[in-house]
PDB file of N, CA and C in Angstrom:
ATOM      1  N   UNK A   1      95.039  91.317  76.515  1.00  0.00           N
ATOM      2  CA  UNK A   1      94.879  91.386  77.977  1.00  0.00           C
ATOM      3  C   UNK A   1      94.480  93.059  77.882  1.00  0.00           C
ATOM      4  N   UNK A   2      92.923  93.051  78.865  1.00  0.00           N
ATOM      5  CA  UNK A   2      92.300  93.938  78.894  1.00  0.00           C
ATOM      6  C   UNK A   2      93.313  95.325  79.980  1.00  0.00           C
ATOM      7  N   UNK A   3      93.138  96.324  80.054  1.00  0.00           N
ATOM      8  CA  UNK A   3      94.068  97.044  81.111  1.00  0.00           C
ATOM      9  C   UNK A   3      93.938  96.879  82.655  1.00  0.00           C
ATOM     10  N   UNK A   4      92.754  96.584  82.696  1.00  0.00           N
ATOM     11  CA  UNK A   4      92.143  96.173  84.420  1.00  0.00           C
ATOM     12  C   UNK A   4      93.256  95.141  84.536  1.00  0.00           C
ATOM     13  N   UNK A   5      93.197  94.445  83.547  1.00  0.00           N
ATOM     14  CA  UNK A   5      93.693  92.770  84.168  1.00  0.00           C
ATOM     15  C   UNK A   5      95.089  92.634  84.114  1.00  0.00           C
ATOM     16  N   UNK A   6      96.198  94.108  83.330  1.00  0.00           N
ATOM     17  CA  UNK A   6      97.363  94.298  83.381  1.00  0.00           C
ATOM     18  C   UNK A   6      97.668  95.358  84.648  1.00  0.00           C
ATOM     19  N   UNK A   7      96.766  95.868  85.063  1.00  0.00           N
ATOM     20  CA  UNK A   7      97.287  96.672  86.064  1.00  0.00           C
ATOM     21  C   UNK A   7      97.063  95.919  87.575  1.00  0.00           C
ATOM     22  N   UNK A   8      96.125  95.244  87.545  1.00  0.00           N
ATOM     23  CA  UNK A   8      96.035  93.892  88.389  1.00  0.00           C
ATOM     24  C   UNK A   8      97.037  93.318  88.466  1.00  0.00           C
ATOM     25  N   UNK A   9      97.882  92.553  87.573  1.00  0.00           N
ATOM     26  CA  UNK A   9      99.293  91.899  87.556  1.00  0.00           C
ATOM     27  C   UNK A   9     100.298  92.455  88.044  1.00  0.00           C
ATOM     28  N   UNK A  10      99.988  94.272  88.007  1.00  0.00           N
ATOM     29  CA  UNK A  10     101.478  94.366  88.412  1.00  0.00           C
ATOM     30  C   UNK A  10     101.688  95.324  89.487  1.00  0.00           C
ATOM     31  N   UNK A  11     100.021  95.667  89.569  1.00  0.00           N
ATOM     32  CA  UNK A  11      99.672  95.785  91.632  1.00  0.00           C
ATOM     33  C   UNK A  11     100.279  94.462  92.454  1.00  0.00           C
ATOM     34  N   UNK A  12      99.706  92.958  91.823  1.00  0.00           N
ATOM     35  CA  UNK A  12     100.380  91.977  92.160  1.00  0.00           C
ATOM     36  C   UNK A  12     102.001  91.364  92.707  1.00  0.00           C
ATOM     37  N   UNK A  13     102.698  91.738  91.348  1.00  0.00           N
ATOM     38  CA  UNK A  13     103.901  91.624  91.118  1.00  0.00           C
ATOM     39  C   UNK A  13     104.745  93.137  92.278  1.00  0.00           C
ATOM     40  N   UNK A  14     104.527  93.996  92.191  1.00  0.00           N
ATOM     41  CA  UNK A  14     104.639  95.579  92.935  1.00  0.00           C
ATOM     42  C   UNK A  14     104.630  94.858  94.243  1.00  0.00           C
ATOM     43  N   UNK A  15     103.485  94.511  94.342  1.00  0.00           N
ATOM     44  CA  UNK A  15     103.592  94.177  96.393  1.00  0.00           C
ATOM     45  C   UNK A  15     104.043  93.182  96.552  1.00  0.00           C
ATOM     46  N   UNK A  16     104.282  91.769  95.218  1.00  0.00           N
ATOM     47  CA  UNK A  16     105.352  90.751  96.446  1.00  0.00           C
ATOM     48  C   UNK A  16     106.573  91.009  95.954  1.00  0.00           C
ATOM     49  N   UNK A  17     107.632  92.239  95.113  1.00  0.00           N
ATOM     50  CA  UNK A  17     108.582  92.760  95.371  1.00  0.00           C
ATOM     51  C   UNK A  17     109.004  93.253  96.361  1.00  0.00           C
ATOM     52  N   UNK A  18     107.757  93.736  96.921  1.00  0.00           N
ATOM     53  CA  UNK A  18     107.798  94.848  97.944  1.00  0.00           C
ATOM     54  C   UNK A  18     107.162  93.997  99.259  1.00  0.00           C
ATOM     55  N   UNK A  19     107.206  92.629  99.294  1.00  0.00           N
ATOM     56  CA  UNK A  19     107.333  91.494 100.304  1.00  0.00           C
ATOM     57  C   UNK A  19     108.352  91.189 100.534  1.00  0.00           C
ATOM     58  N   UNK A  20     108.806  90.648  99.458  1.00  0.00           N
ATOM     59  CA  UNK A  20     110.379  90.106  99.353  1.00  0.00           C
ATOM     60  C   UNK A  20     111.558  91.000 100.097  1.00  0.00           C
ATOM     61  N   UNK A  21     111.419  92.317  99.550  1.00  0.00           N
ATOM     62  CA  UNK A  21     112.205  93.621 100.067  1.00  0.00           C
ATOM     63  C   UNK A  21     112.335  94.027 101.288  1.00  0.00           C
ATOM     64  N   UNK A  22     110.687  93.571 102.066  1.00  0.00           N
ATOM     65  CA  UNK A  22     110.498  94.262 103.449  1.00  0.00           C
ATOM     66  C   UNK A  22     110.806  92.715 103.859  1.00  0.00           C
ATOM     67  N   UNK A  23     110.407  91.088 103.809  1.00  0.00           N
ATOM     68  CA  UNK A  23     111.249  90.150 103.915  1.00  0.00           C
ATOM     69  C   UNK A  23     112.513  90.398 104.627  1.00  0.00           C
ATOM     70  N   UNK A  24     113.508  90.937 103.265  1.00  0.00           N
ATOM     71  CA  UNK A  24     114.491  91.001 103.790  1.00  0.00           C
ATOM     72  C   UNK A  24     115.152  91.712 105.196  1.00  0.00           C
ATOM     73  N   UNK A  25     114.644  93.129 104.567  1.00  0.00           N
ATOM     74  CA  UNK A  25     115.067  93.938 105.678  1.00  0.00           C
ATOM     75  C   UNK A  25     114.513  93.691 107.360  1.00  0.00           C
ATOM     76  N   UNK A  26     114.066  93.175 107.108  1.00  0.00           N
ATOM     77  CA  UNK A  26     113.183  93.300 108.686  1.00  0.00           C
ATOM     78  C   UNK A  26     113.872  91.554 108.992  1.00  0.00           C
ATOM     79  N   UNK A  27     114.281  90.965 108.537  1.00  0.00           N
ATOM     80  CA  UNK A  27     115.156  89.475 109.111  1.00  0.00           C
ATOM     81  C   UNK A  27     116.833  89.974 109.311  1.00  0.00           C
ATOM     82  N   UNK A  28     117.043  91.081 108.624  1.00  0.00           N
ATOM     83  CA  UNK A  28     118.027  91.562 109.033  1.00  0.00           C
ATOM     84  C   UNK A  28     118.136  92.456 110.330  1.00  0.00           C
ATOM     85  N   UNK A  29     117.105  93.244 110.585  1.00  0.00           N
ATOM     86  CA  UNK A  29     117.080  93.932 111.283  1.00  0.00           C
ATOM     87  C   UNK A  29     116.636  93.370 112.809  1.00  0.00           C
ATOM     88  N   UNK A  30     115.624  92.135 113.286  1.00  0.00           N
ATOM     89  CA  UNK A  30     115.218  91.967 113.722  1.00  0.00           C
ATOM     90  C   UNK A  30     115.201  90.381 113.951  1.00  0.00           C
ATOM     91  N   UNK A  31     116.040  89.454 112.875  1.00  0.00           N
ATOM     92  CA  UNK A  31     116.091  87.853 112.914  1.00  0.00           C
ATOM     93  C   UNK A  31     115.591  87.400 112.602  1.00  0.00           C
ATOM     94  N   UNK A  32     115.475  86.498 112.201  1.00  0.00           N
ATOM     95  CA  UNK A  32     114.335  85.784 111.216  1.00  0.00           C
ATOM     96  C   UNK A  32     113.547  84.707 112.477  1.00  0.00           C
ATOM     97  N   UNK A  33     113.335  85.112 113.775  1.00  0.00           N
ATOM     98  CA  UNK A  33     112.202  84.759 114.344  1.00  0.00           C
ATOM     99  C   UNK A  33     111.231  85.751 114.632  1.00  0.00           C
ATOM    100  N   UNK A  34     110.901  86.577 114.495  1.00  0.00           N
ATOM    101  CA  UNK A  34     110.521  87.684 114.673  1.00  0.00           C
ATOM    102  C   UNK A  34     108.635  87.377 114.520  1.00  0.00           C
ATOM    103  N   UNK A  35     107.949  88.363 114.822  1.00  0.00           N
ATOM    104  CA  UNK A  35     106.778  87.857 114.526  1.00  0.00           C
ATOM    105  C   UNK A  35     105.781  88.886 113.231  1.00  0.00           C
ATOM    106  N   UNK A  36     107.023  89.708 113.139  1.00  0.00           N
ATOM    107  CA  UNK A  36     106.855  90.676 111.964  1.00  0.00           C
ATOM    108  C   UNK A  36     106.823  89.908 110.613  1.00  0.00           C
ATOM    109  N   UNK A  37     108.078  88.837 110.393  1.00  0.00           N
ATOM    110  CA  UNK A  37     108.092  88.270 108.865  1.00  0.00           C
ATOM    111  C   UNK A  37     106.601  87.513 108.918  1.00  0.00           C
ATOM    112  N   UNK A  38     106.114  86.988 109.785  1.00  0.00           N
ATOM    113  CA  UNK A  38     104.555  86.478 109.273  1.00  0.00           C
ATOM    114  C   UNK A  38     103.496  86.935 109.120  1.00  0.00           C
ATOM    115  N   UNK A  39     103.775  88.177 108.674  1.00  0.00           N
ATOM    116  CA  UNK A  39     102.677  89.387 108.814  1.00  0.00           C
ATOM    117  C   UNK A  39     102.808  89.946 107.889  1.00  0.00           C
ATOM    118  N   UNK A  40     103.876  89.967 106.929  1.00  0.00           N
ATOM    119  CA  UNK A  40     104.239  90.647 105.756  1.00  0.00           C
ATOM    120  C   UNK A  40     103.643  89.919 104.615  1.00  0.00           C
ATOM    121  N   UNK A  41     103.464  88.469 104.443  1.00  0.00           N
ATOM    122  CA  UNK A  41     102.381  88.239 103.085  1.00  0.00           C
ATOM    123  C   UNK A  41     100.875  88.413 103.908  1.00  0.00           C
ATOM    124  N   UNK A  42     100.356  89.011 104.429  1.00  0.00           N
ATOM    125  CA  UNK A  42      98.975  89.597 105.179  1.00  0.00           C
ATOM    126  C   UNK A  42      99.071  90.783 104.489  1.00  0.00           C
ATOM    127  N   UNK A  43      99.820  91.316 104.965  1.00  0.00           N
ATOM    128  CA  UNK A  43      99.868  92.919 104.157  1.00  0.00           C
ATOM    129  C   UNK A  43     100.103  92.984 102.860  1.00  0.00           C
ATOM    130  N   UNK A  44     100.916  92.061 102.013  1.00  0.00           N
ATOM    131  CA  UNK A  44     100.809  92.270 100.541  1.00  0.00           C
ATOM    132  C   UNK A  44      99.415  91.740 100.174  1.00  0.00           C
ATOM    133  N   UNK A  45      98.534  90.485 100.895  1.00  0.00           N
ATOM    134  CA  UNK A  45      97.976  90.274 100.058  1.00  0.00           C
ATOM    135  C   UNK A  45      96.532  91.041 100.775  1.00  0.00           C
ATOM    136  N   UNK A  46      96.509  91.933 101.779  1.00  0.00           N
ATOM    137  CA  UNK A  46      95.597  93.110 101.768  1.00  0.00           C
ATOM    138  C   UNK A  46      95.262  93.903 101.374  1.00  0.00           C
ATOM    139  N   UNK A  47      96.580  94.622 100.589  1.00  0.00           N
ATOM    140  CA  UNK A  47      96.629  95.313  99.508  1.00  0.00           C
ATOM    141  C   UNK A  47      96.343  95.033  97.784  1.00  0.00           C
ATOM    142  N   UNK A  48      96.770  93.712  97.798  1.00  0.00           N
ATOM    143  CA  UNK A  48      96.150  92.831  96.732  1.00  0.00           C
ATOM    144  C   UNK A  48      94.837  92.710  96.217  1.00  0.00           C
ATOM    145  N   UNK A  49      94.422  92.246  97.554  1.00  0.00           N
ATOM    146  CA  UNK A  49      92.536  92.191  97.369  1.00  0.00           C
ATOM    147  C   UNK A  49      92.077  93.168  97.332  1.00  0.00           C
ATOM    148  N   UNK A  50      92.683  94.324  97.913  1.00  0.00           N
ATOM    149  CA  UNK A  50      91.508  95.104  98.269  1.00  0.00           C
ATOM    150  C   UNK A  50      91.598  96.279  96.939  1.00  0.00           C
ATOM    151  N   UNK A  51      93.131  96.114  96.177  1.00  0.00           N
ATOM    152  CA  UNK A  51      93.174  96.858  95.213  1.00  0.00           C
ATOM    153  C   UNK A  51      92.487  96.553  93.488  1.00  0.00           C
ATOM    154  N   UNK A  52      92.483  94.745  93.884  1.00  0.00           N
ATOM    155  CA  UNK A  52      91.791  94.186  92.775  1.00  0.00           C
ATOM    156  C   UNK A  52      90.309  94.786  93.054  1.00  0.00           C
ATOM    157  N   UNK A  53      89.674  94.570  93.929  1.00  0.00           N
ATOM    158  CA  UNK A  53      87.926  94.837  94.122  1.00  0.00           C
ATOM    159  C   UNK A  53      88.051  96.281  93.571  1.00  0.00           C
ATOM    160  N   UNK A  54      88.695  97.298  94.328  1.00  0.00           N
ATOM    161  CA  UNK A  54      88.633  98.452  93.557  1.00  0.00           C
ATOM    162  C   UNK A  54      88.493  98.699  92.460  1.00  0.00           C
ATOM    163  N   UNK A  55      89.614  98.455  91.825  1.00  0.00           N
ATOM    164  CA  UNK A  55      90.202  98.288  90.069  1.00  0.00           C
ATOM    165  C   UNK A  55      88.571  97.236  89.277  1.00  0.00           C
ATOM    166  N   UNK A  56      88.285  96.574  89.759  1.00  0.00           N
ATOM    167  CA  UNK A  56      86.945  95.613  88.946  1.00  0.00           C
ATOM    168  C   UNK A  56      86.102  96.601  89.474  1.00  0.00           C
ATOM    169  N   UNK A  57      85.831  96.965  90.481  1.00  0.00           N
ATOM    170  CA  UNK A  57      84.299  97.528  90.957  1.00  0.00           C
ATOM    171  C   UNK A  57      84.428  99.430  90.148  1.00  0.00           C
ATOM    172  N   UNK A  58      85.820  99.855  90.202  1.00  0.00           N
ATOM    173  CA  UNK A  58      85.853 101.304  89.440  1.00  0.00           C
ATOM    174  C   UNK A  58      85.748 100.943  87.980  1.00  0.00           C
ATOM    175  N   UNK A  59      86.382  99.317  87.259  1.00  0.00           N
ATOM    176  CA  UNK A  59      86.043  99.449  86.015  1.00  0.00           C
ATOM    177  C   UNK A  59      84.471  99.540  85.944  1.00  0.00           C
ATOM    178  N   UNK A  60      83.639  98.583  86.228  1.00  0.00           N
ATOM    179  CA  UNK A  60      82.534  98.439  86.044  1.00  0.00           C
ATOM    180  C   UNK A  60      81.389  99.679  85.467  1.00  0.00           C
ATOM    181  N   UNK A  61      82.167 100.751  86.446  1.00  0.00           N
ATOM    182  CA  UNK A  61      81.533 101.942  86.613  1.00  0.00           C
ATOM    183  C   UNK A  61      81.809 103.433  85.549  1.00  0.00           C
ATOM    184  N   UNK A  62      82.772 102.993  84.556  1.00  0.00           N
ATOM    185  CA  UNK A  62      83.001 103.867  84.031  1.00  0.00           C
ATOM    186  C   UNK A  62      82.462 104.885  82.734  1.00  0.00           C
ATOM    187  N   UNK A  63      81.113 104.307  82.936  1.00  0.00           N
ATOM    188  CA  UNK A  63      79.898 104.824  82.186  1.00  0.00           C
ATOM    189  C   UNK A  63      79.562 106.312  82.052  1.00  0.00           C
ATOM    190  N   UNK A  64      79.386 106.245  84.217  1.00  0.00           N
ATOM    191  CA  UNK A  64      78.606 106.953  84.839  1.00  0.00           C
ATOM    192  C   UNK A  64      79.653 107.763  86.242  1.00  0.00           C
ATOM    193  N   UNK A  65      79.770 108.638  84.969  1.00  0.00           N
ATOM    194  CA  UNK A  65      80.791 110.062  86.458  1.00  0.00           C
ATOM    195  C   UNK A  65      80.590 110.137  87.634  1.00  0.00           C
ATOM    196  N   UNK A  66      79.099 110.240  87.522  1.00  0.00           N
ATOM    197  CA  UNK A  66      78.563 110.522  89.133  1.00  0.00           C
ATOM    198  C   UNK A  66      78.754 109.084  89.871  1.00  0.00           C
ATOM    199  N   UNK A  67      78.451 108.305  89.514  1.00  0.00           N
ATOM    200  CA  UNK A  67      78.406 106.651  90.222  1.00  0.00           C
ATOM    201  C   UNK A  67      80.219 106.498  90.600  1.00  0.00           C
ATOM    202  N   UNK A  68      80.727 106.955  89.821  1.00  0.00           N
ATOM    203  CA  UNK A  68      82.197 106.176  89.589  1.00  0.00           C
ATOM    204  C   UNK A  68      82.850 107.138  90.875  1.00  0.00           C
ATOM    205  N   UNK A  69      82.705 108.440  90.696  1.00  0.00           N
ATOM    206  CA  UNK A  69      83.464 109.259  92.114  1.00  0.00           C
ATOM    207  C   UNK A  69      83.256 108.985  93.428  1.00  0.00           C
ATOM    208  N   UNK A  70      81.219 108.620  93.317  1.00  0.00           N
ATOM    209  CA  UNK A  70      80.631 107.836  94.976  1.00  0.00           C
ATOM    210  C   UNK A  70      81.862 106.407  95.101  1.00  0.00           C
ATOM    211  N   UNK A  71      81.519 105.699  94.073  1.00  0.00           N
ATOM    212  CA  UNK A  71      81.818 104.474  94.323  1.00  0.00           C
ATOM    213  C   UNK A  71      83.331 104.492  95.039  1.00  0.00           C
ATOM    214  N   UNK A  72      84.239 105.376  94.581  1.00  0.00           N
ATOM    215  CA  UNK A  72      85.870 105.695  94.628  1.00  0.00           C
ATOM    216  C   UNK A  72      85.942 106.068  95.824  1.00  0.00           C
ATOM    217  N   UNK A  73      85.051 107.209  95.975  1.00  0.00           N
ATOM    218  CA  UNK A  73      85.027 107.787  97.921  1.00  0.00           C
ATOM    219  C   UNK A  73      84.418 106.526  98.499  1.00  0.00           C
ATOM    220  N   UNK A  74      83.690 105.668  98.233  1.00  0.00           N
ATOM    221  CA  UNK A  74      83.319 104.775  99.214  1.00  0.00           C
ATOM    222  C   UNK A  74      84.509 104.419  99.388  1.00  0.00           C
ATOM    223  N   UNK A  75      85.129 103.587  98.261  1.00  0.00           N
ATOM    224  CA  UNK A  75      86.054 102.642  98.567  1.00  0.00           C
ATOM    225  C   UNK A  75      87.167 103.129  99.113  1.00  0.00           C
ATOM    226  N   UNK A  76      87.457 104.455  98.614  1.00  0.00           N
ATOM    227  CA  UNK A  76      88.886 104.436  99.289  1.00  0.00           C
ATOM    228  C   UNK A  76      88.358 105.209 101.064  1.00  0.00           C
ATOM    229  N   UNK A  77      87.603 105.250 101.114  1.00  0.00           N
ATOM    230  CA  UNK A  77      87.541 105.651 103.161  1.00  0.00           C
ATOM    231  C   UNK A  77      86.917 103.991 103.446  1.00  0.00           C
ATOM    232  N   UNK A  78      86.576 103.478 102.592  1.00  0.00           N
ATOM    233  CA  UNK A  78      86.392 101.592 103.463  1.00  0.00           C
ATOM    234  C   UNK A  78      88.026 100.903 103.408  1.00  0.00           C
ATOM    235  N   UNK A  79      88.662 101.420 102.594  1.00  0.00           N
ATOM    236  CA  UNK A  79      89.895 100.658 102.369  1.00  0.00           C
ATOM    237  C   UNK A  79      90.721 101.774 103.739  1.00  0.00           C
ATOM    238  N   UNK A  80      90.647 102.763 103.656  1.00  0.00           N
ATOM    239  CA  UNK A  80      91.405 103.020 105.242  1.00  0.00           C
ATOM    240  C   UNK A  80      90.893 102.754 106.153  1.00  0.00           C
ATOM    241  N   UNK A  81      89.472 102.935 106.466  1.00  0.00           N
ATOM    242  CA  UNK A  81      88.974 102.360 107.864  1.00  0.00           C
ATOM    243  C   UNK A  81      89.860 100.665 107.926  1.00  0.00           C
ATOM    244  N   UNK A  82      89.584  99.955 106.883  1.00  0.00           N
ATOM    245  CA  UNK A  82      89.940  98.612 107.341  1.00  0.00           C
ATOM    246  C   UNK A  82      91.637  98.498 107.347  1.00  0.00           C
ATOM    247  N   UNK A  83      92.374  99.632 106.901  1.00  0.00           N
ATOM    248  CA  UNK A  83      93.478  99.800 107.472  1.00  0.00           C
ATOM    249  C   UNK A  83      93.936 100.087 108.744  1.00  0.00           C
ATOM    250  N   UNK A  84      92.959 100.880 109.240  1.00  0.00           N
ATOM    251  CA  UNK A  84      93.408 100.949 110.309  1.00  0.00           C
ATOM    252  C   UNK A  84      92.971 100.092 111.387  1.00  0.00           C
ATOM    253  N   UNK A  85      91.697  99.533 111.214  1.00  0.00           N
ATOM    254  CA  UNK A  85      91.606  98.322 112.190  1.00  0.00           C
ATOM    255  C   UNK A  85      92.521  97.347 112.537  1.00  0.00           C
ATOM    256  N   UNK A  86      92.621  97.235 110.998  1.00  0.00           N
ATOM    257  CA  UNK A  86      93.760  95.762 111.026  1.00  0.00           C
ATOM    258  C   UNK A  86      94.906  96.506 111.685  1.00  0.00           C
ATOM    259  N   UNK A  87      95.420  97.954 111.590  1.00  0.00           N
ATOM    260  CA  UNK A  87      96.305  98.442 112.546  1.00  0.00           C
ATOM    261  C   UNK A  87      96.700  98.272 114.036  1.00  0.00           C
ATOM    262  N   UNK A  88      95.107  98.324 114.032  1.00  0.00           N
ATOM    263  CA  UNK A  88      95.048  98.737 115.402  1.00  0.00           C
ATOM    264  C   UNK A  88      94.815  97.035 116.409  1.00  0.00           C
ATOM    265  N   UNK A  89      94.088  96.051 115.629  1.00  0.00           N
ATOM    266  CA  UNK A  89      94.265  95.089 116.021  1.00  0.00           C
ATOM    267  C   UNK A  89      95.296  94.319 116.059  1.00  0.00           C
ATOM    268  N   UNK A  90      96.571  94.529 115.582  1.00  0.00           N
ATOM    269  CA  UNK A  90      98.012  93.982 115.858  1.00  0.00           C
ATOM    270  C   UNK A  90      98.677  94.595 117.018  1.00  0.00           C
ATOM    271  N   UNK A  91      98.347  96.319 116.983  1.00  0.00           N
ATOM    272  CA  UNK A  91      98.980  96.697 118.229  1.00  0.00           C
ATOM    273  C   UNK A  91      98.108  96.134 119.514  1.00  0.00           C
ATOM    274  N   UNK A  92      97.060  95.947 119.565  1.00  0.00           N
ATOM    275  CA  UNK A  92      96.534  95.254 120.584  1.00  0.00           C
ATOM    276  C   UNK A  92      96.966  94.270 121.253  1.00  0.00           C
ATOM    277  N   UNK A  93      97.687  93.285 119.989  1.00  0.00           N
ATOM    278  CA  UNK A  93      97.945  91.843 120.458  1.00  0.00           C
ATOM    279  C   UNK A  93      99.392  91.834 120.257  1.00  0.00           C
ATOM    280  N   UNK A  94     100.006  93.045 120.129  1.00  0.00           N
ATOM    281  CA  UNK A  94     101.634  92.763 119.791  1.00  0.00           C
ATOM    282  C   UNK A  94     102.100  93.995 120.137  1.00  0.00           C
ATOM    283  N   UNK A  95     102.222  94.321 121.183  1.00  0.00           N
ATOM    284  CA  UNK A  95     102.670  96.079 121.724  1.00  0.00           C
ATOM    285  C   UNK A  95     104.278  95.962 121.547  1.00  0.00           C
ATOM    286  N   UNK A  96     104.970  95.539 121.800  1.00  0.00           N
ATOM    287  CA  UNK A  96     106.261  94.927 121.412  1.00  0.00           C
ATOM    288  C   UNK A  96     106.949  95.346 120.338  1.00  0.00           C
ATOM    289  N   UNK A  97     106.341  95.129 118.829  1.00  0.00           N
ATOM    290  CA  UNK A  97     106.488  95.330 118.225  1.00  0.00           C
ATOM    291  C   UNK A  97     105.470  96.645 117.100  1.00  0.00           C
ATOM    292  N   UNK A  98     104.868  97.279 117.689  1.00  0.00           N
ATOM    293  CA  UNK A  98     103.872  97.998 117.497  1.00  0.00           C
ATOM    294  C   UNK A  98     104.720  98.782 116.288  1.00  0.00           C
ATOM    295  N   UNK A  99     105.778  99.788 116.821  1.00  0.00           N
ATOM    296  CA  UNK A  99     106.194 100.735 116.248  1.00  0.00           C
ATOM    297  C   UNK A  99     106.605 100.638 115.090  1.00  0.00           C
ATOM    298  N   UNK A 100     107.871  99.578 114.899  1.00  0.00           N
ATOM    299  CA  UNK A 100     107.936  98.680 113.282  1.00  0.00           C
ATOM    300  C   UNK A 100     106.603  98.502 112.476  1.00  0.00           C
ATOM    301  N   UNK A 101     105.718  97.683 112.882  1.00  0.00           N
ATOM    302  CA  UNK A 101     104.550  97.214 112.124  1.00  0.00           C
ATOM    303  C   UNK A 101     104.089  98.085 111.644  1.00  0.00           C
ATOM    304  N   UNK A 102     103.669  99.612 112.258  1.00  0.00           N
ATOM    305  CA  UNK A 102     102.697 100.516 111.972  1.00  0.00           C
ATOM    306  C   UNK A 102     103.519 101.478 111.073  1.00  0.00           C
ATOM    307  N   UNK A 103     105.205 101.669 110.940  1.00  0.00           N
ATOM    308  CA  UNK A 103     105.660 102.043 110.029  1.00  0.00           C
ATOM    309  C   UNK A 103     105.887 101.440 108.829  1.00  0.00           C
ATOM    310  N   UNK A 104     105.874 100.032 109.019  1.00  0.00           N
ATOM    311  CA  UNK A 104     105.808  98.844 107.629  1.00  0.00           C
ATOM    312  C   UNK A 104     104.768  99.199 106.908  1.00  0.00           C
ATOM    313  N   UNK A 105     103.571  99.292 107.957  1.00  0.00           N
ATOM    314  CA  UNK A 105     102.009  99.028 107.439  1.00  0.00           C
ATOM    315  C   UNK A 105     101.882 100.633 106.436  1.00  0.00           C
ATOM    316  N   UNK A 106     102.367 101.736 107.159  1.00  0.00           N
ATOM    317  CA  UNK A 106     102.383 102.895 106.569  1.00  0.00           C
ATOM    318  C   UNK A 106     103.449 102.583 105.418  1.00  0.00           C
ATOM    319  N   UNK A 107     104.386 102.123 105.184  1.00  0.00           N
ATOM    320  CA  UNK A 107     105.361 102.374 103.485  1.00  0.00           C
ATOM    321  C   UNK A 107     104.412 101.585 102.521  1.00  0.00           C
ATOM    322  N   UNK A 108     103.884 100.466 103.364  1.00  0.00           N
ATOM    323  CA  UNK A 108     102.962  99.624 102.300  1.00  0.00           C
ATOM    324  C   UNK A 108     101.823 100.680 101.686  1.00  0.00           C
ATOM    325  N   UNK A 109     100.989 101.289 102.272  1.00  0.00           N
ATOM    326  CA  UNK A 109      99.619 102.325 101.941  1.00  0.00           C
ATOM    327  C   UNK A 109     100.331 103.065 101.004  1.00  0.00           C
ATOM    328  N   UNK A 110     101.555 103.582 101.492  1.00  0.00           N
ATOM    329  CA  UNK A 110     102.031 104.974 100.545  1.00  0.00           C
ATOM    330  C   UNK A 110     102.499 104.262  99.042  1.00  0.00           C
ATOM    331  N   UNK A 111     102.833 102.888  99.003  1.00  0.00           N
ATOM    332  CA  UNK A 111     103.486 102.861  97.529  1.00  0.00           C
ATOM    333  C   UNK A 111     102.423 102.012  97.129  1.00  0.00           C
ATOM    334  N   UNK A 112     101.006 101.630  98.054  1.00  0.00           N
ATOM    335  CA  UNK A 112     100.154 100.920  97.178  1.00  0.00           C
ATOM    336  C   UNK A 112      98.903 102.363  97.172  1.00  0.00           C
ATOM    337  N   UNK A 113      99.044 103.737  98.041  1.00  0.00           N
ATOM    338  CA  UNK A 113      98.580 104.319  96.855  1.00  0.00           C
ATOM    339  C   UNK A 113      98.762 105.461  96.105  1.00  0.00           C
ATOM    340  N   UNK A 114     100.333 105.402  95.953  1.00  0.00           N
ATOM    341  CA  UNK A 114     101.169 105.842  94.555  1.00  0.00           C
ATOM    342  C   UNK A 114     100.896 104.582  93.392  1.00  0.00           C
ATOM    343  N   UNK A 115     100.935 103.499  93.407  1.00  0.00           N
ATOM    344  CA  UNK A 115     100.432 102.738  92.895  1.00  0.00           C
ATOM    345  C   UNK A 115      99.014 102.957  91.633  1.00  0.00           C
ATOM    346  N   UNK A 116      98.272 102.833  92.730  1.00  0.00           N
ATOM    347  CA  UNK A 116      96.607 103.317  92.664  1.00  0.00           C
ATOM    348  C   UNK A 116      96.373 104.894  91.823  1.00  0.00           C
ATOM    349  N   UNK A 117      97.182 106.127  92.332  1.00  0.00           N
ATOM    350  CA  UNK A 117      96.786 107.274  91.405  1.00  0.00           C
ATOM    351  C   UNK A 117      97.376 106.985  90.378  1.00  0.00           C
ATOM    352  N   UNK A 118      98.807 106.425  89.867  1.00  0.00           N
ATOM    353  CA  UNK A 118      99.449 106.093  88.608  1.00  0.00           C
ATOM    354  C   UNK A 118      98.214 105.324  87.776  1.00  0.00           C
ATOM    355  N   UNK A 119      97.853 103.881  88.606  1.00  0.00           N
ATOM    356  CA  UNK A 119      97.220 103.142  87.343  1.00  0.00           C
ATOM    357  C   UNK A 119      95.657 103.600  86.995  1.00  0.00           C
ATOM    358  N   UNK A 120      94.968 104.766  88.032  1.00  0.00           N
ATOM    359  CA  UNK A 120      93.404 104.988  87.687  1.00  0.00           C
ATOM    360  C   UNK A 120      93.745 106.352  86.498  1.00  0.00           C
ATOM    361  N   UNK A 121      95.144 107.096  86.907  1.00  0.00           N
ATOM    362  CA  UNK A 121      95.626 107.807  85.566  1.00  0.00           C
ATOM    363  C   UNK A 121      95.488 107.269  84.218  1.00  0.00           C
ATOM    364  N   UNK A 122      95.915 106.381  84.002  1.00  0.00           N
ATOM    365  CA  UNK A 122      96.036 105.375  82.998  1.00  0.00           C
ATOM    366  C   UNK A 122      95.170 104.927  82.627  1.00  0.00           C
ATOM    367  N   UNK A 123      94.086 103.950  83.660  1.00  0.00           N
ATOM    368  CA  UNK A 123      92.762 103.460  83.457  1.00  0.00           C
ATOM    369  C   UNK A 123      91.742 104.484  82.634  1.00  0.00           C
ATOM    370  N   UNK A 124      91.951 106.001  82.887  1.00  0.00           N
ATOM    371  CA  UNK A 124      90.882 106.494  83.101  1.00  0.00           C
ATOM    372  C   UNK A 124      91.163 107.707  82.173  1.00  0.00           C
ATOM    373  N   UNK A 125      92.428 107.407  81.086  1.00  0.00           N
ATOM    374  CA  UNK A 125      92.886 108.551  80.749  1.00  0.00           C
ATOM    375  C   UNK A 125      91.715 108.931  79.168  1.00  0.00           C
ATOM    376  N   UNK A 126      91.035 108.401  78.925  1.00  0.00           N
ATOM    377  CA  UNK A 126      90.054 108.800  78.269  1.00  0.00           C
ATOM    378  C   UNK A 126      88.846 109.394  78.732  1.00  0.00           C
ATOM    379  N   UNK A 127      88.462 108.774  80.038  1.00  0.00           N
ATOM    380  CA  UNK A 127      87.498 109.411  80.727  1.00  0.00           C
ATOM    381  C   UNK A 127      86.993 110.847  80.575  1.00  0.00           C
ATOM    382  N   UNK A 128      85.719 111.344  80.689  1.00  0.00           N
ATOM    383  CA  UNK A 128      85.307 112.491  80.642  1.00  0.00           C
ATOM    384  C   UNK A 128      84.247 112.886  81.639  1.00  0.00           C
ATOM    385  N   UNK A 129      84.243 114.251  82.139  1.00  0.00           N
ATOM    386  CA  UNK A 129      82.473 114.463  82.672  1.00  0.00           C
ATOM    387  C   UNK A 129      81.164 113.794  81.940  1.00  0.00           C
TER     388      UNK A 129
END
């Protein structure tokens, strides 16, 4: 199995575990009828989708360091702006649960960033300038 495929599987498993843990915590704090429970799978899917796209796109550019760095920065900015837009849309339509949603989204984002840094280091171990 290719290293990029292993990383994508690891990301999927990690986000699924985080999703289940978040679901349990939210149901204990807010009950089983809270709208937050419906959003959790979409958060996981968001990070799995963009993680997969990022890993695949960057894997194809490993040979050219300059293109790799440009693509990396563009994908990071795109991911950040889409995350901000997604958070803003949820807050506009559901103001009463805005704070818990934003905290959960921030936790997901940090977990994803830590995973992405570790995965990038492992995938680019032999890459030089």
